[in-house]
């Protein structure tokens, strides 16, 4: 896990990181909005997001 950066150690964050975080946040919000508009149940949306978060955490821990 040596390639994981804690944000508090990277403060102040560079402009590149701020732009990437904003873009990620917007993409997630847009995808959730599209899923809601398509009629997906909220529980399914939450479950999918939670599953991806767990998978990414597992990947960071095992690398």
Protein backbone atom coordinates (compact mmCIF):
# COMPACT_ATOMS: atom_id res chain seq x y z
CA UNK A 1 0.00 0.00 0.00
CA UNK A 2 2.97 2.27 -0.39
CA UNK A 3 1.40 3.93 -3.44
CA UNK A 4 -1.60 5.24 -1.44
CA UNK A 5 -1.38 8.92 -0.57
CA UNK A 6 -3.22 10.24 2.43
CA UNK A 7 -4.78 13.55 1.50
CA UNK A 8 -3.77 15.18 4.78
CA UNK A 9 -0.14 14.53 3.80
CA UNK A 10 -0.67 16.06 0.36
CA UNK A 11 -2.24 19.30 1.58
CA UNK A 12 -2.44 21.77 0.09
CA UNK A 13 -3.59 19.65 -2.83
CA UNK A 14 -2.23 20.45 -6.25
CA UNK A 15 -4.53 21.90 -8.88
CA UNK A 16 -4.34 18.61 -10.81
CA UNK A 17 -5.66 16.65 -7.83
CA UNK A 18 -8.43 19.17 -7.21
CA UNK A 19 -9.51 19.01 -10.86
CA UNK A 20 -9.45 15.20 -10.84
CA UNK A 21 -11.48 15.02 -7.62
CA UNK A 22 -14.05 17.46 -9.00
CA UNK A 23 -14.30 15.51 -12.27
CA UNK A 24 -14.74 12.23 -10.39
CA UNK A 25 -17.40 13.72 -8.13
CA UNK A 26 -19.30 15.13 -11.13
CA UNK A 27 -19.09 11.83 -13.03
CA UNK A 28 -20.43 9.89 -10.04
CA UNK A 29 -23.25 12.41 -9.48
CA UNK A 30 -24.17 12.31 -13.19
CA UNK A 31 -24.15 8.50 -13.24
CA UNK A 32 -26.33 8.30 -10.12
CA UNK A 33 -28.71 10.85 -11.63
CA UNK A 34 -28.94 8.85 -14.86
CA UNK A 35 -29.55 5.64 -12.92
CA UNK A 36 -32.35 7.29 -10.92
CA UNK A 37 -33.89 8.67 -14.12
CA UNK A 38 -33.78 5.20 -15.65
CA UNK A 39 -35.77 3.90 -12.69
CA UNK A 40 -33.14 1.84 -10.91
CA UNK A 41 -34.06 1.21 -7.29
CA UNK A 42 -32.07 3.35 -4.86
CA UNK A 43 -30.92 0.26 -2.99
CA UNK A 44 -29.38 -1.16 -6.15
CA UNK A 45 -27.53 2.10 -6.84
CA UNK A 46 -26.20 2.19 -3.28
CA UNK A 47 -25.24 -1.49 -3.45
CA UNK A 48 -23.32 -1.00 -6.68
CA UNK A 49 -21.45 2.03 -5.33
CA UNK A 50 -20.65 0.18 -2.11
CA UNK A 51 -19.41 -2.84 -4.06
CA UNK A 52 -17.08 -0.69 -6.17
CA UNK A 53 -15.78 1.07 -3.07
CA UNK A 54 -15.05 -2.29 -1.42
CA UNK A 55 -13.34 -3.61 -4.55
CA UNK A 56 -11.10 -0.54 -4.81
CA UNK A 57 -10.25 -0.75 -1.11
CA UNK A 58 -9.36 -4.43 -1.49
CA UNK A 59 -7.19 -3.64 -4.50
CA UNK A 60 -5.30 -0.91 -2.58
CA UNK A 61 -4.77 -3.15 0.45
CA UNK A 62 -3.52 -6.17 -1.51
CA UNK A 63 -1.14 -4.36 -3.86
